[in-house]
């Protein structure tokens, strides 16, 4: 996974007033923590950060005066109405270290006939090298029939990535299309006779 370079400024003003001032300048307050270090309070450019966060598990290279680190977004707070970024928590990571992240599960192909896919998990928890986080994992259901099921342990994960969650967790299954129930003959007859009486 490629890194996204984002300019970072260290900040020494805190509190709601300071945060509002930062946001008015189209910037976002952030905190960088991890590896037992003192948390660093940062100001990041809002537009660049918003674009970067569109990619799941994006690696962010923070660079600025007194800052040159690689981080993973761990907590993103957005305004519930307008959707703009209010605050971001970033986890400091080092090359070669293992991190636990959620990656998306994508379904490809179409099952046989009228069978449908019932997906239970849209993400899966994995352990992987911090600078080589996979973008996701695919499950091919092309030509599969009702009764086909995929558990977490069945997923073909990229090299260097291991499952972190329950291997028996059901990811998806192919089931027969639901059939609309027809009224029983007695019910239909009663309905017809009631209509005739009217």
N, C-alpha and C. Protein backbone atom coordinates (compact mmCIF):
# COMPACT_ATOMS: atom_id res chain seq x y z
N UNK A 1 0.84 -1.19 0.00
CA UNK A 1 0.00 0.00 0.00
C UNK A 1 0.88 1.24 0.00
N UNK A 2 0.57 2.21 -0.84
CA UNK A 2 1.37 3.41 -0.91
C UNK A 2 1.05 4.34 0.25
N UNK A 3 2.00 5.22 0.52
CA UNK A 3 1.82 6.20 1.58
C UNK A 3 1.27 7.49 0.98
N UNK A 4 0.48 8.19 1.78
CA UNK A 4 -0.02 9.50 1.38
C UNK A 4 0.70 10.53 2.23
N UNK A 5 1.40 11.44 1.56
CA UNK A 5 2.15 12.46 2.28
C UNK A 5 1.22 13.61 2.67
N UNK A 6 1.22 13.94 3.95
CA UNK A 6 0.39 15.04 4.45
C UNK A 6 1.25 15.95 5.32
N UNK A 7 1.16 17.25 5.04
CA UNK A 7 1.91 18.24 5.83
C UNK A 7 1.30 18.33 7.22
N UNK A 8 2.16 18.28 8.22
CA UNK A 8 1.68 18.33 9.61
C UNK A 8 2.34 19.48 10.36
N UNK A 9 1.56 20.13 11.18
CA UNK A 9 2.08 21.20 12.05
C UNK A 9 1.85 20.79 13.49
N UNK A 10 2.87 20.95 14.32
CA UNK A 10 2.69 20.72 15.76
C UNK A 10 1.85 21.86 16.31
N UNK A 11 0.93 21.55 17.23
CA UNK A 11 0.11 22.63 17.82
C UNK A 11 0.27 22.62 19.33
N UNK A 12 0.17 23.80 19.91
CA UNK A 12 0.29 23.91 21.36
C UNK A 12 -0.88 24.63 21.98
N UNK A 13 -1.93 24.86 21.17
CA UNK A 13 -3.17 25.44 21.70
C UNK A 13 -4.23 24.35 21.75
N UNK A 14 -4.91 24.23 22.87
CA UNK A 14 -5.87 23.15 23.05
C UNK A 14 -7.23 23.70 23.47
N UNK A 15 -8.21 22.82 23.54
CA UNK A 15 -9.54 23.24 23.95
C UNK A 15 -10.46 23.49 22.76
N UNK A 16 -11.74 23.68 23.07
CA UNK A 16 -12.75 23.83 22.02
C UNK A 16 -12.52 25.08 21.17
N UNK A 17 -12.13 26.17 21.83
CA UNK A 17 -11.91 27.42 21.09
C UNK A 17 -10.79 27.27 20.07
N UNK A 18 -9.69 26.63 20.49
CA UNK A 18 -8.55 26.42 19.59
C UNK A 18 -8.95 25.50 18.44
N UNK A 19 -9.73 24.45 18.76
CA UNK A 19 -10.17 23.50 17.72
C UNK A 19 -11.06 24.20 16.69
N UNK A 20 -11.96 25.07 17.17
CA UNK A 20 -12.85 25.80 16.24
C UNK A 20 -12.04 26.71 15.32
N UNK A 21 -11.02 27.35 15.88
CA UNK A 21 -10.16 28.24 15.10
C UNK A 21 -9.44 27.45 14.00
N UNK A 22 -8.97 26.24 14.34
CA UNK A 22 -8.29 25.37 13.36
C UNK A 22 -9.24 25.00 12.24
N UNK A 23 -10.48 24.60 12.61
CA UNK A 23 -11.46 24.18 11.61
C UNK A 23 -11.87 25.33 10.69
N UNK A 24 -11.94 26.55 11.25
CA UNK A 24 -12.30 27.71 10.42
C UNK A 24 -11.25 27.94 9.33
N UNK A 25 -10.02 27.50 9.58
CA UNK A 25 -8.94 27.63 8.60
C UNK A 25 -8.88 26.42 7.68
N UNK A 26 -9.98 25.62 7.66
CA UNK A 26 -10.06 24.40 6.84
C UNK A 26 -8.97 23.38 7.19
N UNK A 27 -8.66 23.32 8.47
CA UNK A 27 -7.68 22.34 8.95
C UNK A 27 -8.36 21.46 10.01
N UNK A 28 -7.66 20.38 10.38
CA UNK A 28 -8.24 19.41 11.31
C UNK A 28 -7.28 19.16 12.47
N UNK A 29 -7.76 19.27 13.72
CA UNK A 29 -6.92 18.88 14.86
C UNK A 29 -6.76 17.36 14.90
N UNK A 30 -5.56 16.91 15.25
CA UNK A 30 -5.29 15.47 15.30
C UNK A 30 -4.34 15.17 16.45
N UNK A 31 -4.38 13.90 16.89
CA UNK A 31 -3.43 13.44 17.92
C UNK A 31 -2.74 12.19 17.39
N UNK A 32 -1.41 12.18 17.49
CA UNK A 32 -0.60 11.04 17.08
C UNK A 32 -0.07 10.38 18.34
N UNK A 33 -0.33 9.07 18.49
CA UNK A 33 0.12 8.37 19.70
C UNK A 33 0.59 6.97 19.33
N UNK A 34 1.26 6.31 20.28
CA UNK A 34 1.70 4.93 20.07
C UNK A 34 3.16 4.74 20.44
N UNK A 35 3.55 3.48 20.60
CA UNK A 35 4.93 3.10 20.95
C UNK A 35 5.40 3.72 22.26
N UNK A 36 4.45 3.98 23.15
CA UNK A 36 4.83 4.51 24.46
C UNK A 36 5.36 5.93 24.44
N UNK A 37 5.21 6.61 23.31
CA UNK A 37 5.70 7.99 23.21
C UNK A 37 4.64 8.97 23.72
N UNK A 38 5.07 10.16 24.01
CA UNK A 38 4.13 11.21 24.39
C UNK A 38 3.25 11.53 23.18
N UNK A 39 1.94 11.66 23.35
CA UNK A 39 1.09 12.02 22.21
C UNK A 39 1.51 13.36 21.60
N UNK A 40 1.48 13.44 20.28
CA UNK A 40 1.79 14.69 19.59
C UNK A 40 0.48 15.28 19.09
N UNK A 41 0.24 16.54 19.40
CA UNK A 41 -0.96 17.24 18.95
C UNK A 41 -0.62 17.96 17.65
N UNK A 42 -1.40 17.65 16.61
CA UNK A 42 -1.08 18.15 15.27
C UNK A 42 -2.24 18.92 14.65
N UNK A 43 -1.91 19.70 13.64
CA UNK A 43 -2.90 20.34 12.79
C UNK A 43 -2.63 19.85 11.38
N UNK A 44 -3.66 19.32 10.70
CA UNK A 44 -3.50 18.76 9.36
C UNK A 44 -4.42 19.46 8.38
N UNK A 45 -4.01 19.54 7.09
CA UNK A 45 -4.87 20.18 6.09
C UNK A 45 -6.13 19.35 5.84
N UNK A 46 -7.31 19.98 5.99
CA UNK A 46 -8.58 19.26 5.93
C UNK A 46 -8.84 18.55 4.62
N UNK A 47 -8.61 19.23 3.48
CA UNK A 47 -8.93 18.63 2.18
C UNK A 47 -8.05 17.42 1.90
N UNK A 48 -6.74 17.56 2.14
CA UNK A 48 -5.80 16.44 1.90
C UNK A 48 -6.15 15.24 2.77
N UNK A 49 -6.50 15.53 4.03
CA UNK A 49 -6.83 14.45 4.95
C UNK A 49 -8.12 13.74 4.54
N UNK A 50 -9.10 14.51 4.12
CA UNK A 50 -10.38 13.96 3.67
C UNK A 50 -10.17 13.01 2.48
N UNK A 51 -9.34 13.43 1.53
CA UNK A 51 -9.05 12.58 0.36
C UNK A 51 -8.33 11.31 0.78
N UNK A 52 -7.37 11.44 1.69
CA UNK A 52 -6.61 10.27 2.15
C UNK A 52 -7.50 9.26 2.84
N UNK A 53 -8.46 9.74 3.64
CA UNK A 53 -9.31 8.84 4.43
C UNK A 53 -10.33 8.09 3.60
N UNK A 54 -10.42 8.40 2.30
CA UNK A 54 -11.32 7.63 1.43
C UNK A 54 -10.80 6.22 1.21
N UNK A 55 -9.50 6.01 1.44
CA UNK A 55 -8.89 4.68 1.29
C UNK A 55 -8.86 4.00 2.65
N UNK A 56 -9.47 2.78 2.77
CA UNK A 56 -9.44 2.09 4.06
C UNK A 56 -8.00 1.79 4.49
N UNK A 57 -7.71 1.95 5.78
CA UNK A 57 -6.38 1.64 6.33
C UNK A 57 -5.25 2.37 5.61
N UNK A 58 -5.50 3.61 5.21
CA UNK A 58 -4.48 4.36 4.48
C UNK A 58 -3.27 4.63 5.39
N UNK A 59 -2.08 4.52 4.82
CA UNK A 59 -0.86 4.88 5.54
C UNK A 59 -0.59 6.35 5.29
N UNK A 60 -0.45 7.11 6.34
CA UNK A 60 -0.23 8.54 6.20
C UNK A 60 1.19 8.88 6.65
N UNK A 61 1.95 9.49 5.75
CA UNK A 61 3.28 9.98 6.09
C UNK A 61 3.13 11.43 6.53
N UNK A 62 3.32 11.66 7.81
CA UNK A 62 3.19 13.01 8.38
C UNK A 62 4.56 13.67 8.33
N UNK A 63 4.61 14.82 7.69
CA UNK A 63 5.91 15.49 7.59
C UNK A 63 5.75 16.98 7.82
N UNK A 64 6.60 17.52 8.66
CA UNK A 64 6.59 18.95 8.96
C UNK A 64 7.66 19.24 9.97
N UNK A 65 7.70 20.46 10.47
CA UNK A 65 8.72 20.83 11.44
C UNK A 65 8.53 20.03 12.73
N UNK A 66 9.52 19.21 13.07
CA UNK A 66 9.44 18.39 14.28
C UNK A 66 8.61 17.13 14.12
N UNK A 67 8.17 16.84 12.89
CA UNK A 67 7.34 15.65 12.64
C UNK A 67 7.79 14.95 11.37
N UNK A 68 8.08 13.65 11.48
CA UNK A 68 8.34 12.82 10.30
C UNK A 68 8.01 11.38 10.70
N UNK A 69 6.75 11.03 10.58
CA UNK A 69 6.28 9.74 11.09
C UNK A 69 5.31 9.10 10.10
N UNK A 70 5.11 7.77 10.27
CA UNK A 70 4.09 7.05 9.51
C UNK A 70 2.98 6.69 10.49
N UNK A 71 1.72 6.89 10.06
CA UNK A 71 0.60 6.64 10.96
C UNK A 71 -0.57 6.00 10.24
N UNK A 72 -1.41 5.34 11.05
CA UNK A 72 -2.67 4.76 10.58
C UNK A 72 -3.82 5.48 11.27
N UNK A 73 -4.88 5.85 10.55
CA UNK A 73 -6.04 6.45 11.21
C UNK A 73 -6.71 5.42 12.11
N UNK A 74 -6.97 5.79 13.37
CA UNK A 74 -7.63 4.86 14.30
C UNK A 74 -8.97 5.37 14.79
N UNK A 75 -9.20 6.66 14.69
CA UNK A 75 -10.48 7.22 15.12
C UNK A 75 -10.75 8.50 14.37
N UNK A 76 -11.90 8.56 13.71
CA UNK A 76 -12.25 9.74 12.92
C UNK A 76 -13.59 10.28 13.41
N UNK A 77 -13.59 11.53 13.84
CA UNK A 77 -14.84 12.16 14.28
C UNK A 77 -15.28 13.14 13.22
N UNK A 78 -16.55 12.98 12.79
CA UNK A 78 -17.11 13.87 11.78
C UNK A 78 -18.29 14.63 12.37
N UNK A 79 -18.56 15.79 11.81
CA UNK A 79 -19.76 16.53 12.21
C UNK A 79 -20.96 15.71 11.76
N UNK A 80 -21.91 15.38 12.68
CA UNK A 80 -23.02 14.50 12.32
C UNK A 80 -23.95 15.07 11.26
N UNK A 81 -23.97 16.40 11.11
CA UNK A 81 -24.88 17.00 10.13
C UNK A 81 -24.15 17.36 8.84
N UNK A 82 -23.05 18.09 8.96
CA UNK A 82 -22.36 18.57 7.75
C UNK A 82 -21.31 17.60 7.21
N UNK A 83 -20.87 16.66 8.07
CA UNK A 83 -19.96 15.62 7.60
C UNK A 83 -18.49 15.99 7.56
N UNK A 84 -18.13 17.25 7.91
CA UNK A 84 -16.72 17.62 7.86
C UNK A 84 -15.96 16.96 9.01
N UNK A 85 -14.64 16.86 8.85
CA UNK A 85 -13.80 16.22 9.86
C UNK A 85 -13.65 17.13 11.07
N UNK A 86 -13.90 16.59 12.24
CA UNK A 86 -13.77 17.37 13.48
C UNK A 86 -12.45 17.07 14.20
N UNK A 87 -12.05 15.79 14.16
CA UNK A 87 -10.84 15.37 14.88
C UNK A 87 -10.42 13.99 14.37
N UNK A 88 -9.11 13.74 14.38
CA UNK A 88 -8.61 12.43 13.95
C UNK A 88 -7.57 11.92 14.93
N UNK A 89 -7.71 10.65 15.34
CA UNK A 89 -6.68 9.98 16.14
C UNK A 89 -5.83 9.15 15.20
N UNK A 90 -4.52 9.28 15.32
CA UNK A 90 -3.58 8.56 14.45
C UNK A 90 -2.67 7.68 15.29
N UNK A 91 -2.46 6.45 14.82
CA UNK A 91 -1.60 5.50 15.52
C UNK A 91 -0.24 5.46 14.83
N UNK A 92 0.79 5.73 15.60
CA UNK A 92 2.16 5.71 15.09
C UNK A 92 2.54 4.27 14.74
N UNK A 93 3.07 4.05 13.54
CA UNK A 93 3.51 2.71 13.15
C UNK A 93 4.94 2.77 12.62
N UNK A 94 5.62 1.63 12.71
CA UNK A 94 7.00 1.53 12.23
C UNK A 94 7.06 0.44 11.16
N UNK A 95 7.96 0.61 10.21
CA UNK A 95 8.14 -0.41 9.18
C UNK A 95 8.54 -1.73 9.84
N UNK A 96 7.92 -2.83 9.38
CA UNK A 96 8.26 -4.15 9.90
C UNK A 96 7.39 -4.61 11.05
N UNK A 97 6.68 -3.67 11.71
CA UNK A 97 5.84 -4.10 12.83
C UNK A 97 4.50 -4.63 12.32
N UNK A 98 3.87 -5.47 13.13
CA UNK A 98 2.58 -6.06 12.79
C UNK A 98 1.46 -5.27 13.44
N UNK A 99 0.41 -5.02 12.65
CA UNK A 99 -0.77 -4.32 13.18
C UNK A 99 -2.01 -5.17 12.91
N UNK A 100 -3.04 -4.95 13.71
CA UNK A 100 -4.33 -5.63 13.49
C UNK A 100 -5.30 -4.60 12.92
N UNK A 101 -5.84 -4.92 11.74
CA UNK A 101 -6.75 -3.99 11.06
C UNK A 101 -7.94 -4.75 10.48
N UNK A 102 -8.97 -4.00 10.12
CA UNK A 102 -10.13 -4.57 9.43
C UNK A 102 -9.96 -4.30 7.93
N UNK A 103 -10.10 -5.34 7.10
CA UNK A 103 -10.03 -5.12 5.65
C UNK A 103 -11.37 -5.55 5.03
N UNK A 104 -11.79 -4.89 3.95
CA UNK A 104 -13.09 -5.23 3.36
C UNK A 104 -13.11 -6.57 2.64
N UNK A 105 -14.28 -7.23 2.69
CA UNK A 105 -14.51 -8.48 1.96
C UNK A 105 -15.39 -8.14 0.77
N UNK A 106 -14.89 -8.39 -0.45
CA UNK A 106 -15.63 -8.08 -1.67
C UNK A 106 -16.09 -9.37 -2.34
N UNK A 107 -17.35 -9.41 -2.74
CA UNK A 107 -17.91 -10.59 -3.42
C UNK A 107 -17.89 -10.35 -4.92
N UNK A 108 -17.37 -11.33 -5.68
CA UNK A 108 -17.37 -11.23 -7.14
C UNK A 108 -18.13 -12.41 -7.74
N UNK A 109 -18.63 -12.24 -8.97
CA UNK A 109 -19.34 -13.31 -9.67
C UNK A 109 -20.79 -13.43 -9.25
N UNK A 110 -21.49 -14.33 -9.92
CA UNK A 110 -22.91 -14.56 -9.66
C UNK A 110 -23.18 -16.03 -9.41
N UNK A 111 -23.98 -16.35 -8.39
CA UNK A 111 -24.32 -17.75 -8.14
C UNK A 111 -25.26 -18.28 -9.23
N UNK A 112 -25.51 -19.57 -9.19
CA UNK A 112 -26.35 -20.24 -10.20
C UNK A 112 -27.80 -19.78 -10.09
N UNK A 113 -28.42 -19.58 -11.25
CA UNK A 113 -29.87 -19.32 -11.33
C UNK A 113 -30.36 -18.22 -10.42
N UNK A 114 -31.37 -18.57 -9.63
CA UNK A 114 -32.00 -17.57 -8.77
C UNK A 114 -31.42 -17.54 -7.36
N UNK A 115 -30.35 -18.32 -7.12
CA UNK A 115 -29.72 -18.33 -5.79
C UNK A 115 -29.16 -16.95 -5.48
N UNK A 116 -29.14 -16.59 -4.20
CA UNK A 116 -28.62 -15.27 -3.81
C UNK A 116 -27.54 -15.41 -2.74
N UNK A 117 -26.70 -14.37 -2.66
CA UNK A 117 -25.61 -14.36 -1.68
C UNK A 117 -26.07 -13.61 -0.43
N UNK A 118 -25.88 -14.26 0.70
CA UNK A 118 -26.19 -13.64 1.99
C UNK A 118 -24.85 -13.40 2.68
N UNK A 119 -24.41 -12.13 2.68
CA UNK A 119 -23.10 -11.81 3.24
C UNK A 119 -23.24 -11.41 4.71
N UNK A 120 -22.54 -12.15 5.58
CA UNK A 120 -22.60 -11.90 7.02
C UNK A 120 -21.55 -10.90 7.48
N UNK A 121 -20.35 -10.96 6.87
CA UNK A 121 -19.25 -10.08 7.26
C UNK A 121 -18.80 -9.25 6.06
N UNK A 122 -18.78 -7.93 6.22
CA UNK A 122 -18.30 -7.07 5.13
C UNK A 122 -16.84 -6.68 5.35
N UNK A 123 -16.32 -6.93 6.57
CA UNK A 123 -14.90 -6.74 6.84
C UNK A 123 -14.41 -7.94 7.65
N UNK A 124 -13.10 -8.13 7.62
CA UNK A 124 -12.49 -9.22 8.37
C UNK A 124 -11.26 -8.68 9.09
N UNK A 125 -11.03 -9.14 10.31
CA UNK A 125 -9.90 -8.67 11.10
C UNK A 125 -8.66 -9.50 10.79
N UNK A 126 -7.55 -8.82 10.43
CA UNK A 126 -6.32 -9.52 10.07
C UNK A 126 -5.12 -8.88 10.76
N UNK A 127 -4.05 -9.67 10.84
CA UNK A 127 -2.76 -9.15 11.31
C UNK A 127 -1.85 -9.09 10.09
N UNK A 128 -1.18 -7.95 9.93
CA UNK A 128 -0.34 -7.77 8.75
C UNK A 128 0.75 -6.76 9.03
N UNK A 129 1.75 -6.70 8.16
CA UNK A 129 2.84 -5.74 8.33
C UNK A 129 2.30 -4.34 8.07
N UNK A 130 2.66 -3.41 8.94
CA UNK A 130 2.06 -2.08 8.94
C UNK A 130 2.16 -1.34 7.60
N UNK A 131 3.24 -1.57 6.87
CA UNK A 131 3.41 -0.84 5.61
C UNK A 131 3.00 -1.69 4.39
N UNK A 132 2.39 -2.85 4.64
CA UNK A 132 1.91 -3.69 3.53
C UNK A 132 0.49 -4.18 3.82
N UNK A 133 -0.37 -3.27 4.22
CA UNK A 133 -1.75 -3.66 4.54
C UNK A 133 -2.51 -3.92 3.24
N UNK A 134 -3.12 -5.12 3.10
CA UNK A 134 -3.87 -5.40 1.87
C UNK A 134 -5.10 -4.52 1.77
N UNK A 135 -5.51 -4.21 0.54
CA UNK A 135 -6.68 -3.34 0.33
C UNK A 135 -7.97 -4.09 0.60
N UNK A 136 -7.92 -5.43 0.62
CA UNK A 136 -9.12 -6.22 0.89
C UNK A 136 -8.93 -7.65 0.44
N UNK A 137 -9.98 -8.44 0.55
CA UNK A 137 -9.95 -9.84 0.12
C UNK A 137 -11.21 -10.12 -0.69
N UNK A 138 -11.07 -10.90 -1.76
CA UNK A 138 -12.21 -11.20 -2.64
C UNK A 138 -12.69 -12.63 -2.43
N UNK A 139 -14.00 -12.81 -2.58
CA UNK A 139 -14.61 -14.15 -2.55
C UNK A 139 -15.38 -14.30 -3.86
N UNK A 140 -15.02 -15.33 -4.63
CA UNK A 140 -15.68 -15.57 -5.92
C UNK A 140 -16.83 -16.56 -5.74
N UNK A 141 -18.05 -16.13 -6.05
CA UNK A 141 -19.22 -17.01 -5.92
C UNK A 141 -19.76 -17.42 -7.30
N UNK A 142 -18.98 -17.16 -8.34
CA UNK A 142 -19.45 -17.44 -9.70
C UNK A 142 -19.76 -18.93 -9.87
N UNK A 143 -20.99 -19.23 -10.30
CA UNK A 143 -21.39 -20.61 -10.55
C UNK A 143 -21.66 -21.43 -9.31
N UNK A 144 -21.65 -20.78 -8.13
CA UNK A 144 -21.92 -21.53 -6.89
C UNK A 144 -23.42 -21.70 -6.70
N UNK A 145 -23.79 -22.78 -6.03
CA UNK A 145 -25.21 -23.10 -5.83
C UNK A 145 -25.57 -22.95 -4.35
N UNK A 146 -26.87 -22.99 -4.07
CA UNK A 146 -27.36 -22.92 -2.69
C UNK A 146 -26.64 -23.97 -1.84
N UNK A 147 -26.22 -23.57 -0.65
CA UNK A 147 -25.49 -24.48 0.22
C UNK A 147 -24.01 -24.14 0.30
N UNK A 148 -23.50 -23.37 -0.68
CA UNK A 148 -22.09 -22.96 -0.67
C UNK A 148 -21.90 -21.94 0.46
N UNK A 149 -20.86 -22.16 1.26
CA UNK A 149 -20.59 -21.24 2.38
C UNK A 149 -19.09 -20.98 2.48
N UNK A 150 -18.74 -19.79 2.94
CA UNK A 150 -17.35 -19.42 3.14
C UNK A 150 -17.18 -18.95 4.58
N UNK A 151 -16.24 -19.59 5.30
CA UNK A 151 -15.90 -19.18 6.66
C UNK A 151 -14.60 -18.39 6.61
N UNK A 152 -14.30 -17.70 7.69
CA UNK A 152 -13.10 -16.86 7.73
C UNK A 152 -11.85 -17.65 7.37
N UNK A 153 -11.77 -18.89 7.85
CA UNK A 153 -10.58 -19.72 7.57
C UNK A 153 -10.45 -20.10 6.10
N UNK A 154 -11.53 -19.95 5.32
CA UNK A 154 -11.49 -20.29 3.89
C UNK A 154 -10.94 -19.15 3.03
N UNK A 155 -10.85 -17.96 3.58
CA UNK A 155 -10.41 -16.80 2.79
C UNK A 155 -8.96 -16.94 2.37
N UNK A 156 -8.69 -16.57 1.12
CA UNK A 156 -7.31 -16.61 0.61
C UNK A 156 -6.67 -15.24 0.87
N UNK A 157 -5.97 -15.16 1.99
CA UNK A 157 -5.35 -13.90 2.38
C UNK A 157 -4.00 -13.73 1.70
N UNK A 158 -3.61 -12.47 1.42
CA UNK A 158 -2.31 -12.23 0.79
C UNK A 158 -1.17 -12.75 1.67
N UNK A 159 -0.04 -13.01 1.05
CA UNK A 159 1.13 -13.50 1.77
C UNK A 159 1.53 -12.49 2.85
N UNK A 160 1.86 -13.00 4.03
CA UNK A 160 2.26 -12.12 5.12
C UNK A 160 1.10 -11.61 5.95
N UNK A 161 -0.12 -12.02 5.59
CA UNK A 161 -1.31 -11.58 6.32
C UNK A 161 -1.98 -12.80 6.94
N UNK A 162 -2.32 -12.71 8.22
CA UNK A 162 -2.97 -13.83 8.91
C UNK A 162 -4.29 -13.37 9.53
N UNK A 163 -5.17 -14.31 9.71
CA UNK A 163 -6.48 -14.03 10.28
C UNK A 163 -6.33 -13.69 11.77
N UNK A 164 -7.04 -12.63 12.21
CA UNK A 164 -6.96 -12.24 13.62
C UNK A 164 -8.23 -12.61 14.38
N UNK A 165 -9.33 -12.84 13.65
CA UNK A 165 -10.60 -13.14 14.30
C UNK A 165 -10.89 -14.63 14.38
N UNK A 166 -12.15 -14.97 14.60
CA UNK A 166 -12.61 -16.35 14.73
C UNK A 166 -12.56 -17.04 13.37
N UNK A 167 -11.77 -18.12 13.22
CA UNK A 167 -11.68 -18.80 11.93
C UNK A 167 -13.00 -19.44 11.49
N UNK A 168 -13.89 -19.73 12.47
CA UNK A 168 -15.16 -20.36 12.15
C UNK A 168 -16.26 -19.36 11.79
N UNK A 169 -15.96 -18.07 11.88
CA UNK A 169 -16.97 -17.05 11.59
C UNK A 169 -17.46 -17.19 10.15
N UNK A 170 -18.80 -17.17 9.97
CA UNK A 170 -19.39 -17.28 8.64
C UNK A 170 -19.27 -15.94 7.92
N UNK A 171 -18.60 -15.96 6.76
CA UNK A 171 -18.43 -14.73 5.97
C UNK A 171 -19.62 -14.54 5.05
N UNK A 172 -19.97 -15.61 4.31
CA UNK A 172 -21.14 -15.54 3.44
C UNK A 172 -21.64 -16.94 3.14
N UNK A 173 -22.87 -17.00 2.63
CA UNK A 173 -23.44 -18.27 2.16
C UNK A 173 -24.34 -17.98 0.97
N UNK A 174 -24.46 -18.99 0.11
CA UNK A 174 -25.36 -18.88 -1.03
C UNK A 174 -26.63 -19.63 -0.65
N UNK A 175 -27.77 -18.96 -0.78
CA UNK A 175 -29.04 -19.57 -0.41
C UNK A 175 -30.01 -19.52 -1.58
N UNK A 176 -31.02 -20.41 -1.55
CA UNK A 176 -32.05 -20.40 -2.59
C UNK A 176 -32.87 -19.13 -2.48
N UNK A 177 -33.33 -18.63 -3.62
CA UNK A 177 -34.17 -17.42 -3.62
C UNK A 177 -35.45 -17.70 -2.86
N UNK A 178 -35.91 -16.77 -2.02
CA UNK A 178 -37.16 -16.99 -1.28
C UNK A 178 -38.34 -17.12 -2.25
N UNK A 179 -39.22 -18.07 -1.96
CA UNK A 179 -40.38 -18.30 -2.82
C UNK A 179 -41.60 -17.70 -2.15
N UNK A 180 -42.38 -16.92 -2.91
CA UNK A 180 -43.60 -16.31 -2.35
C UNK A 180 -44.60 -17.42 -2.05
N UNK A 181 -45.20 -17.37 -0.86
CA UNK A 181 -46.15 -18.41 -0.48
C UNK A 181 -47.49 -18.15 -1.16
N UNK A 182 -48.04 -19.19 -1.79
CA UNK A 182 -49.35 -19.07 -2.42
C UNK A 182 -50.41 -19.39 -1.39
N UNK A 183 -51.57 -18.70 -1.42
CA UNK A 183 -52.62 -19.02 -0.44
C UNK A 183 -53.12 -20.44 -0.65
N UNK A 184 -53.49 -21.08 0.44
CA UNK A 184 -54.01 -22.45 0.32
C UNK A 184 -55.38 -22.41 -0.36
N UNK A 185 -55.75 -23.53 -0.93
CA UNK A 185 -56.98 -23.59 -1.72
C UNK A 185 -58.20 -23.14 -0.91
N UNK A 186 -58.28 -23.56 0.34
CA UNK A 186 -59.42 -23.22 1.21
C UNK A 186 -59.51 -21.71 1.40
N UNK A 187 -58.30 -21.05 1.62
CA UNK A 187 -58.29 -19.60 1.83
C UNK A 187 -58.75 -18.86 0.59
N UNK A 188 -58.27 -19.34 -0.58
CA UNK A 188 -58.64 -18.69 -1.85
C UNK A 188 -60.13 -18.80 -2.08
N UNK A 189 -60.67 -19.97 -1.79
CA UNK A 189 -62.10 -20.20 -2.02
C UNK A 189 -62.93 -19.30 -1.12
N UNK A 190 -62.50 -19.16 0.15
CA UNK A 190 -63.22 -18.31 1.09
C UNK A 190 -63.22 -16.86 0.61
N UNK A 191 -62.05 -16.41 0.12
CA UNK A 191 -61.91 -15.03 -0.35
C UNK A 191 -62.81 -14.80 -1.54
N UNK A 192 -62.88 -15.77 -2.45
CA UNK A 192 -63.71 -15.61 -3.67
C UNK A 192 -65.18 -15.56 -3.29
N UNK A 193 -65.62 -16.46 -2.35
CA UNK A 193 -67.02 -16.48 -1.98
C UNK A 193 -67.42 -15.19 -1.26
N UNK A 194 -66.47 -14.61 -0.48
CA UNK A 194 -66.76 -13.36 0.21
C UNK A 194 -66.94 -12.24 -0.80
N UNK A 195 -66.08 -12.24 -1.86
CA UNK A 195 -66.20 -11.22 -2.90
C UNK A 195 -67.53 -11.37 -3.64
N UNK A 196 -67.92 -12.64 -3.89
CA UNK A 196 -69.16 -12.91 -4.63
C UNK A 196 -70.38 -12.42 -3.81
N UNK A 197 -70.30 -12.59 -2.47
CA UNK A 197 -71.41 -12.18 -1.61
C UNK A 197 -71.60 -10.67 -1.64
N UNK A 198 -70.47 -9.92 -1.82
CA UNK A 198 -70.57 -8.46 -1.90
C UNK A 198 -71.21 -8.10 -3.21
